[in-house]
N, C-alpha and C. Protein backbone atom coordinates (compact mmCIF):
# COMPACT_ATOMS: atom_id res chain seq x y z
N UNK A 1 12.36 8.00 -18.73
CA UNK A 1 11.20 7.95 -17.70
C UNK A 1 9.43 8.20 -18.06
N UNK A 2 8.88 7.17 -19.06
CA UNK A 2 7.19 8.41 -18.38
C UNK A 2 6.64 7.33 -17.71
N UNK A 3 5.39 8.28 -17.24
CA UNK A 3 3.89 7.72 -16.24
C UNK A 3 3.72 6.33 -16.36
N UNK A 4 3.23 4.95 -16.68
CA UNK A 4 1.79 4.49 -17.07
C UNK A 4 0.70 5.21 -15.79
N UNK A 5 -0.07 5.96 -16.18
CA UNK A 5 -1.50 6.14 -15.31
C UNK A 5 -2.11 5.23 -15.41
N UNK A 6 -2.57 4.82 -14.51
CA UNK A 6 -3.84 3.41 -13.91
C UNK A 6 -4.71 4.78 -13.61
N UNK A 7 -6.83 3.53 -13.79
CA UNK A 7 -7.39 4.66 -13.22
C UNK A 7 -7.81 3.84 -12.62
N UNK A 8 -7.99 2.78 -11.50
CA UNK A 8 -8.62 1.98 -10.91
C UNK A 8 -8.09 2.00 -9.22
N UNK A 9 -7.86 3.24 -9.00
CA UNK A 9 -7.51 3.66 -7.44
C UNK A 9 -8.59 4.83 -7.39
N UNK A 10 -8.30 5.06 -6.40
CA UNK A 10 -8.87 6.40 -5.46
C UNK A 10 -9.24 7.20 -6.50
N UNK A 11 -10.34 8.56 -6.80
CA UNK A 11 -10.43 9.62 -7.80
C UNK A 11 -9.87 9.82 -7.04
N UNK A 12 -9.57 10.98 -6.10
CA UNK A 12 -8.56 11.99 -5.58
C UNK A 12 -6.90 11.05 -6.47
N UNK A 13 -6.52 10.64 -6.05
CA UNK A 13 -5.39 9.72 -5.82
C UNK A 13 -4.88 9.79 -7.36
N UNK A 14 -6.38 9.51 -8.38
CA UNK A 14 -6.06 9.65 -10.19
C UNK A 14 -6.31 11.05 -10.81
N UNK A 15 -6.57 11.69 -10.16
CA UNK A 15 -6.01 13.22 -10.70
C UNK A 15 -5.00 13.52 -10.14
N UNK A 16 -4.78 12.93 -9.15
CA UNK A 16 -3.35 13.63 -9.06
C UNK A 16 -2.04 13.06 -9.69
N UNK A 17 -2.69 11.40 -10.21
CA UNK A 17 -0.94 11.50 -10.94
C UNK A 17 -1.49 11.64 -11.89
N UNK A 18 -2.97 12.36 -12.26
CA UNK A 18 -2.29 12.44 -14.05
C UNK A 18 -1.69 14.43 -13.71
N UNK A 19 -2.60 14.49 -13.20
CA UNK A 19 -2.07 16.15 -12.61
C UNK A 19 -0.51 16.37 -12.61
N UNK A 20 0.33 15.62 -12.02
CA UNK A 20 1.69 14.70 -12.08
C UNK A 20 2.23 14.62 -13.33
N UNK A 21 1.60 14.12 -14.03
CA UNK A 21 2.26 13.39 -15.44
C UNK A 21 1.72 14.48 -16.66
N UNK A 22 1.19 15.39 -16.27
CA UNK A 22 0.50 16.64 -16.76
C UNK A 22 1.63 17.71 -16.66
N UNK A 23 2.65 17.85 -15.84
CA UNK A 23 3.36 19.56 -15.48
C UNK A 23 4.40 17.58 -16.36
N UNK A 24 4.63 16.74 -16.09
CA UNK A 24 6.56 16.08 -16.31
C UNK A 24 5.98 16.63 -17.52
N UNK A 25 5.23 16.67 -18.46
CA UNK A 25 4.85 16.55 -19.79
C UNK A 25 4.76 17.75 -19.71
N UNK A 26 4.69 18.51 -19.70
CA UNK A 26 4.72 19.82 -19.86
C UNK A 26 6.09 20.51 -19.58
N UNK A 27 7.03 19.90 -19.15
CA UNK A 27 8.37 20.49 -18.62
C UNK A 27 8.76 20.20 -19.18
N UNK A 28 8.76 19.20 -19.67
CA UNK A 28 9.91 17.77 -20.89
C UNK A 28 9.77 18.51 -22.25
N UNK A 29 10.41 19.55 -22.53
CA UNK A 29 9.63 20.10 -23.85
C UNK A 29 11.10 19.73 -25.08
N UNK A 30 10.65 19.50 -26.43
CA UNK A 30 12.15 19.39 -27.16
C UNK A 30 13.60 19.99 -26.66
N UNK A 31 14.46 19.61 -26.78
CA UNK A 31 15.60 19.82 -26.40
C UNK A 31 15.94 20.16 -24.71
N UNK A 32 14.83 19.16 -24.61
CA UNK A 32 15.08 20.04 -22.48
C UNK A 32 16.52 19.57 -22.93
N UNK A 33 16.93 19.64 -21.08
CA UNK A 33 18.82 18.92 -21.13
C UNK A 33 18.42 17.74 -19.69
N UNK A 34 18.83 16.83 -19.85
CA UNK A 34 18.83 15.18 -19.08
C UNK A 34 18.41 16.12 -17.48
N UNK A 35 19.41 17.31 -17.58
CA UNK A 35 19.62 17.85 -15.77
C UNK A 35 17.44 18.08 -15.69
N UNK A 36 16.63 18.73 -16.88
CA UNK A 36 15.32 19.36 -16.84
C UNK A 36 14.76 18.26 -16.52
N UNK A 37 15.40 17.15 -17.69
CA UNK A 37 14.33 15.15 -17.76
C UNK A 37 14.38 14.97 -16.62
N UNK A 38 15.20 14.85 -15.64
CA UNK A 38 15.73 14.21 -14.76
C UNK A 38 14.67 15.01 -13.36
N UNK A 39 15.33 16.36 -13.94
CA UNK A 39 14.42 17.00 -12.29
C UNK A 39 13.07 16.98 -12.00
N UNK A 40 12.05 17.07 -13.70
CA UNK A 40 10.93 17.45 -13.54
C UNK A 40 10.24 15.77 -13.15
N UNK A 41 10.81 14.47 -14.00
CA UNK A 41 10.76 13.24 -13.42
C UNK A 41 10.65 13.11 -11.33
N UNK A 42 11.67 13.36 -11.75
CA UNK A 42 12.61 13.55 -9.38
C UNK A 42 10.79 14.51 -8.84
N UNK A 43 10.58 14.66 -9.85
CA UNK A 43 9.45 15.83 -9.10
C UNK A 43 7.82 14.74 -9.82
N UNK A 44 7.50 14.68 -10.16
CA UNK A 44 6.64 13.74 -11.21
C UNK A 44 6.69 11.94 -9.08
N UNK A 45 7.58 12.11 -9.73
CA UNK A 45 7.97 10.86 -9.02
C UNK A 45 7.30 10.95 -7.25
N UNK A 46 7.87 12.67 -6.27
CA UNK A 46 7.53 13.18 -5.84
C UNK A 46 6.00 13.02 -5.27
N UNK A 47 6.01 13.61 -5.50
CA UNK A 47 4.23 14.27 -6.64
C UNK A 47 3.41 12.52 -6.54
N UNK A 48 3.53 11.83 -7.00
CA UNK A 48 3.05 10.69 -7.05
C UNK A 48 2.54 9.71 -5.55
N UNK A 49 4.13 9.57 -4.96
CA UNK A 49 4.35 8.87 -3.53
C UNK A 49 4.04 9.72 -2.57
N UNK A 50 3.36 11.05 -2.61
CA UNK A 50 2.96 11.95 -1.83
C UNK A 50 0.94 11.47 -1.74
N UNK A 51 0.94 11.40 -3.10
CA UNK A 51 -0.23 10.65 -3.71
C UNK A 51 -0.96 8.49 -3.34
N UNK A 52 -0.15 8.75 -4.00
CA UNK A 52 0.40 7.12 -2.47
C UNK A 52 -0.65 7.13 -1.17
N UNK A 53 0.79 7.54 -0.77
CA UNK A 53 0.66 7.90 0.48
C UNK A 53 -0.83 8.59 1.56
N UNK A 54 -0.79 9.71 0.48
CA UNK A 54 -2.54 10.18 1.24
C UNK A 54 -3.38 10.06 0.15
N UNK A 55 -3.31 9.45 -0.61
CA UNK A 55 -4.93 9.47 -0.61
C UNK A 55 -5.65 7.51 -1.35
N UNK A 56 -4.05 7.20 -1.65
CA UNK A 56 -4.24 5.77 -1.88
C UNK A 56 -3.97 4.84 -0.22
N UNK A 57 -4.16 5.01 0.72
CA UNK A 57 -4.11 4.23 1.08
C UNK A 57 -1.97 3.43 1.44
N UNK A 58 -1.01 3.77 0.97
CA UNK A 58 0.05 3.32 0.41
C UNK A 58 0.27 2.81 0.22
N UNK A 59 -0.56 2.03 -1.48
CA UNK A 59 -0.65 1.41 -2.57
C UNK A 59 -0.48 1.72 -3.71
N UNK A 60 1.20 1.60 -4.00
CA UNK A 60 1.47 2.38 -5.44
C UNK A 60 2.69 2.92 -5.11
N UNK A 61 3.27 2.63 -3.16
CA UNK A 61 4.81 3.85 -3.00
C UNK A 61 5.70 3.06 -3.79
N UNK A 62 6.50 1.93 -3.39
CA UNK A 62 7.29 1.58 -3.32
C UNK A 62 8.06 1.66 -4.87
N UNK A 63 7.00 2.02 -6.23
CA UNK A 63 7.14 1.77 -7.06
C UNK A 63 7.48 3.23 -7.52
N UNK A 64 6.86 4.84 -7.08
CA UNK A 64 7.38 6.01 -6.79
C UNK A 64 9.34 5.48 -6.43
N UNK A 65 9.17 4.73 -4.95
CA UNK A 65 10.24 5.62 -3.80
C UNK A 65 11.54 4.82 -5.18
N UNK A 66 11.23 3.88 -5.38
CA UNK A 66 12.33 3.97 -6.08
C UNK A 66 12.30 3.85 -7.60
N UNK A 67 12.02 4.54 -8.79
CA UNK A 67 11.57 5.85 -8.74
C UNK A 67 12.75 6.85 -8.40
N UNK A 68 12.49 7.28 -7.71
CA UNK A 68 13.87 8.45 -6.85
C UNK A 68 14.74 8.07 -6.54
N UNK A 69 14.32 6.93 -6.00
CA UNK A 69 15.89 6.05 -5.29
C UNK A 69 16.52 6.09 -7.00
N UNK A 70 16.21 5.59 -7.71
CA UNK A 70 17.12 5.71 -9.44
C UNK A 70 17.04 6.85 -9.57
N UNK A 71 16.99 8.10 -8.88
CA UNK A 71 17.30 8.87 -10.04
C UNK A 71 18.16 9.48 -8.86
N UNK A 72 18.40 8.29 -7.70
CA UNK A 72 19.83 9.69 -6.61
C UNK A 72 19.15 10.01 -5.40
N UNK A 73 17.56 9.90 -5.11
CA UNK A 73 17.59 10.38 -4.65
C UNK A 73 16.85 9.94 -3.42
N UNK A 74 17.77 10.52 -1.69
CA UNK A 74 17.35 8.83 -1.14
C UNK A 74 15.85 9.28 0.25
N UNK A 75 15.64 8.08 -0.15
CA UNK A 75 13.41 7.53 0.76
C UNK A 75 14.05 7.64 1.93
């Protein structure tokens, strides 16, 4: 899963999403196991969901809730 970073929200939310995606990409290197990729995707979704709720008035939260559920995380 890749993330699409939109930059039309509040600056704090944009910055949080960009940082979360940087961490995700740094974790997923060539030869990374599926477990590593899944863990990185889950952490990204958790970070993004948290930022949606705290920095973006809840807007966009459903997208990251769905991402977590698709990865087997109960929300």
